[in-house]
Amino acid sequence: MRHGWIATYAYFLAEARGFTPANAIDDWLAAERAYMEEGLAKGESD
């Protein structure tokens, strides 16, 4: 679940800025932060 949520979130971040490849890592890291901030990581083993 974790990986899929982060991948989807990162995709939408990339889409919002026009899919410029230079920011792919930043999008992924921002999605990971959002996942943690939402509290979705509690009890996840993925």
PDB file of N, CA and C in Angstrom:
ATOM      1  N   MET A   1       0.822  -1.185   0.000  1.00  0.00           N
ATOM      2  CA  MET A   1       0.000   0.000   0.000  1.00  0.00           C
ATOM      3  C   MET A   1       0.872   1.258   0.000  1.00  0.00           C
ATOM      4  N   ARG A   2       1.916   1.272   0.823  1.00  0.00           N
ATOM      5  CA  ARG A   2       2.774   2.453   0.961  1.00  0.00           C
ATOM      6  C   ARG A   2       3.379   2.858  -0.385  1.00  0.00           C
ATOM      7  N   HIS A   3       3.988   1.909  -1.056  1.00  0.00           N
ATOM      8  CA  HIS A   3       4.664   2.213  -2.317  1.00  0.00           C
ATOM      9  C   HIS A   3       3.680   2.759  -3.347  1.00  0.00           C
ATOM     10  N   GLY A   4       2.526   2.143  -3.449  1.00  0.00           N
ATOM     11  CA  GLY A   4       1.518   2.591  -4.408  1.00  0.00           C
ATOM     12  C   GLY A   4       1.007   3.988  -4.109  1.00  0.00           C
ATOM     13  N   TRP A   5       0.776   4.273  -2.826  1.00  0.00           N
ATOM     14  CA  TRP A   5       0.298   5.598  -2.430  1.00  0.00           C
ATOM     15  C   TRP A   5       1.338   6.645  -2.785  1.00  0.00           C
ATOM     16  N   ILE A   6       2.593   6.376  -2.444  1.00  0.00           N
ATOM     17  CA  ILE A   6       3.676   7.324  -2.707  1.00  0.00           C
ATOM     18  C   ILE A   6       3.866   7.516  -4.208  1.00  0.00           C
ATOM     19  N   ALA A   7       3.825   6.434  -4.962  1.00  0.00           N
ATOM     20  CA  ALA A   7       3.990   6.530  -6.414  1.00  0.00           C
ATOM     21  C   ALA A   7       2.888   7.383  -7.041  1.00  0.00           C
ATOM     22  N   THR A   8       1.665   7.191  -6.607  1.00  0.00           N
ATOM     23  CA  THR A   8       0.547   7.966  -7.135  1.00  0.00           C
ATOM     24  C   THR A   8       0.675   9.437  -6.771  1.00  0.00           C
ATOM     25  N   TYR A   9       1.017   9.705  -5.531  1.00  0.00           N
ATOM     26  CA  TYR A   9       1.176  11.085  -5.072  1.00  0.00           C
ATOM     27  C   TYR A   9       2.300  11.766  -5.845  1.00  0.00           C
ATOM     28  N   ALA A  10       3.427  11.071  -6.008  1.00  0.00           N
ATOM     29  CA  ALA A  10       4.566  11.624  -6.750  1.00  0.00           C
ATOM     30  C   ALA A  10       4.178  11.889  -8.206  1.00  0.00           C
ATOM     31  N   TYR A  11       3.384  11.009  -8.777  1.00  0.00           N
ATOM     32  CA  TYR A  11       2.914  11.211 -10.152  1.00  0.00           C
ATOM     33  C   TYR A  11       2.136  12.515 -10.273  1.00  0.00           C
ATOM     34  N   PHE A  12       1.215  12.747  -9.341  1.00  0.00           N
ATOM     35  CA  PHE A  12       0.413  13.961  -9.409  1.00  0.00           C
ATOM     36  C   PHE A  12       1.248  15.212  -9.155  1.00  0.00           C
ATOM     37  N   LEU A  13       2.261  15.119  -8.314  1.00  0.00           N
ATOM     38  CA  LEU A  13       3.177  16.249  -8.137  1.00  0.00           C
ATOM     39  C   LEU A  13       3.905  16.541  -9.447  1.00  0.00           C
ATOM     40  N   ALA A  14       4.386  15.487 -10.092  1.00  0.00           N
ATOM     41  CA  ALA A  14       5.097  15.650 -11.367  1.00  0.00           C
ATOM     42  C   ALA A  14       4.173  16.226 -12.435  1.00  0.00           C
ATOM     43  N   GLU A  15       2.957  15.734 -12.476  1.00  0.00           N
ATOM     44  CA  GLU A  15       1.989  16.234 -13.452  1.00  0.00           C
ATOM     45  C   GLU A  15       1.734  17.725 -13.245  1.00  0.00           C
ATOM     46  N   ALA A  16       1.632  18.135 -11.989  1.00  0.00           N
ATOM     47  CA  ALA A  16       1.343  19.534 -11.676  1.00  0.00           C
ATOM     48  C   ALA A  16       2.453  20.473 -12.138  1.00  0.00           C
ATOM     49  N   ARG A  17       3.676  19.968 -12.244  1.00  0.00           N
ATOM     50  CA  ARG A  17       4.777  20.823 -12.687  1.00  0.00           C
ATOM     51  C   ARG A  17       5.240  20.489 -14.092  1.00  0.00           C
ATOM     52  N   GLY A  18       4.456  19.738 -14.822  1.00  0.00           N
ATOM     53  CA  GLY A  18       4.723  19.500 -16.237  1.00  0.00           C
ATOM     54  C   GLY A  18       5.678  18.367 -16.541  1.00  0.00           C
ATOM     55  N   PHE A  19       5.852  17.437 -15.627  1.00  0.00           N
ATOM     56  CA  PHE A  19       6.681  16.242 -15.829  1.00  0.00           C
ATOM     57  C   PHE A  19       8.139  16.534 -16.179  1.00  0.00           C
ATOM     58  N   THR A  20       8.712  17.596 -15.639  1.00  0.00           N
ATOM     59  CA  THR A  20      10.135  17.836 -15.878  1.00  0.00           C
ATOM     60  C   THR A  20      10.939  16.804 -15.095  1.00  0.00           C
ATOM     61  N   PRO A  21      11.794  16.048 -15.771  1.00  0.00           N
ATOM     62  CA  PRO A  21      12.480  14.922 -15.132  1.00  0.00           C
ATOM     63  C   PRO A  21      13.493  15.311 -14.056  1.00  0.00           C
ATOM     64  N   ALA A  22      13.952  16.534 -14.048  1.00  0.00           N
ATOM     65  CA  ALA A  22      14.965  16.941 -13.077  1.00  0.00           C
ATOM     66  C   ALA A  22      14.456  16.894 -11.638  1.00  0.00           C
ATOM     67  N   ASN A  23      13.159  16.855 -11.434  1.00  0.00           N
ATOM     68  CA  ASN A  23      12.592  16.897 -10.095  1.00  0.00           C
ATOM     69  C   ASN A  23      11.981  15.578  -9.643  1.00  0.00           C
ATOM     70  N   ALA A  24      12.268  14.498 -10.304  1.00  0.00           N
ATOM     71  CA  ALA A  24      11.642  13.215  -9.971  1.00  0.00           C
ATOM     72  C   ALA A  24      11.943  12.785  -8.537  1.00  0.00           C
ATOM     73  N   ILE A  25      13.183  12.914  -8.114  1.00  0.00           N
ATOM     74  CA  ILE A  25      13.548  12.527  -6.744  1.00  0.00           C
ATOM     75  C   ILE A  25      12.847  13.433  -5.737  1.00  0.00           C
ATOM     76  N   ASP A  26      12.808  14.725  -6.028  1.00  0.00           N
ATOM     77  CA  ASP A  26      12.127  15.661  -5.128  1.00  0.00           C
ATOM     78  C   ASP A  26      10.648  15.319  -5.000  1.00  0.00           C
ATOM     79  N   ASP A  27      10.019  14.933  -6.101  1.00  0.00           N
ATOM     80  CA  ASP A  27       8.610  14.537  -6.059  1.00  0.00           C
ATOM     81  C   ASP A  27       8.427  13.310  -5.180  1.00  0.00           C
ATOM     82  N   TRP A  28       9.311  12.327  -5.345  1.00  0.00           N
ATOM     83  CA  TRP A  28       9.204  11.097  -4.558  1.00  0.00           C
ATOM     84  C   TRP A  28       9.378  11.395  -3.071  1.00  0.00           C
ATOM     85  N   LEU A  29      10.386  12.197  -2.740  1.00  0.00           N
ATOM     86  CA  LEU A  29      10.640  12.524  -1.337  1.00  0.00           C
ATOM     87  C   LEU A  29       9.501  13.342  -0.737  1.00  0.00           C
ATOM     88  N   ALA A  30       8.927  14.240  -1.510  1.00  0.00           N
ATOM     89  CA  ALA A  30       7.779  15.015  -1.038  1.00  0.00           C
ATOM     90  C   ALA A  30       6.584  14.099  -0.788  1.00  0.00           C
ATOM     91  N   ALA A  31       6.402  13.123  -1.651  1.00  0.00           N
ATOM     92  CA  ALA A  31       5.310  12.163  -1.471  1.00  0.00           C
ATOM     93  C   ALA A  31       5.534  11.316  -0.222  1.00  0.00           C
ATOM     94  N   GLU A  32       6.782  10.912   0.032  1.00  0.00           N
ATOM     95  CA  GLU A  32       7.083  10.160   1.257  1.00  0.00           C
ATOM     96  C   GLU A  32       6.789  11.004   2.493  1.00  0.00           C
ATOM     97  N   ARG A  33       7.165  12.273   2.457  1.00  0.00           N
ATOM     98  CA  ARG A  33       6.880  13.168   3.590  1.00  0.00           C
ATOM     99  C   ARG A  33       5.377  13.293   3.800  1.00  0.00           C
ATOM    100  N   ALA A  34       4.638  13.461   2.721  1.00  0.00           N
ATOM    101  CA  ALA A  34       3.182  13.581   2.826  1.00  0.00           C
ATOM    102  C   ALA A  34       2.580  12.318   3.431  1.00  0.00           C
ATOM    103  N   TYR A  35       3.098  11.178   3.024  1.00  0.00           N
ATOM    104  CA  TYR A  35       2.617   9.897   3.555  1.00  0.00           C
ATOM    105  C   TYR A  35       2.809   9.846   5.068  1.00  0.00           C
ATOM    106  N   MET A  36       4.001  10.248   5.506  1.00  0.00           N
ATOM    107  CA  MET A  36       4.303  10.229   6.939  1.00  0.00           C
ATOM    108  C   MET A  36       3.446  11.258   7.689  1.00  0.00           C
ATOM    109  N   GLU A  37       3.287  12.442   7.123  1.00  0.00           N
ATOM    110  CA  GLU A  37       2.511  13.495   7.766  1.00  0.00           C
ATOM    111  C   GLU A  37       1.038  13.137   7.881  1.00  0.00           C
ATOM    112  N   GLU A  38       0.534  12.380   6.937  1.00  0.00           N
ATOM    113  CA  GLU A  38      -0.865  11.957   6.977  1.00  0.00           C
ATOM    114  C   GLU A  38      -1.091  10.859   8.008  1.00  0.00           C
ATOM    115  N   GLY A  39      -0.018  10.333   8.559  1.00  0.00           N
ATOM    116  CA  GLY A  39      -0.143   9.274   9.547  1.00  0.00           C
ATOM    117  C   GLY A  39      -0.464   7.926   8.941  1.00  0.00           C
ATOM    118  N   LEU A  40      -0.255   7.804   7.639  1.00  0.00           N
ATOM    119  CA  LEU A  40      -0.581   6.556   6.961  1.00  0.00           C
ATOM    120  C   LEU A  40       0.434   5.464   7.251  1.00  0.00           C
ATOM    121  N   ALA A  41       1.583   5.837   7.769  1.00  0.00           N
ATOM    122  CA  ALA A  41       2.646   4.868   8.002  1.00  0.00           C
ATOM    123  C   ALA A  41       2.399   4.010   9.239  1.00  0.00           C
ATOM    124  N   LYS A  42       1.477   4.387  10.074  1.00  0.00           N
ATOM    125  CA  LYS A  42       1.206   3.623  11.293  1.00  0.00           C
ATOM    126  C   LYS A  42       0.766   2.209  10.958  1.00  0.00           C
ATOM    127  N   GLY A  43       1.510   1.247  11.435  1.00  0.00           N
ATOM    128  CA  GLY A  43       1.140  -0.144  11.245  1.00  0.00           C
ATOM    129  C   GLY A  43       1.451  -0.719   9.885  1.00  0.00           C
ATOM    130  N   GLU A  44       2.060   0.047   9.006  1.00  0.00           N
ATOM    131  CA  GLU A  44       2.394  -0.458   7.671  1.00  0.00           C
ATOM    132  C   GLU A  44       3.681  -1.253   7.704  1.00  0.00           C
ATOM    133  N   SER A  45       3.730  -2.342   6.972  1.00  0.00           N
ATOM    134  CA  SER A  45       4.949  -3.140   6.877  1.00  0.00           C
ATOM    135  C   SER A  45       5.469  -3.189   5.449  1.00  0.00           C
ATOM    136  N   ASP A  46       4.886  -2.414   4.544  1.00  0.00           N
ATOM    137  CA  ASP A  46       5.264  -2.402   3.136  1.00  0.00           C
ATOM    138  C   ASP A  46       6.548  -1.654   2.949  1.00  0.00           C
TER     139      ASP A  46
END
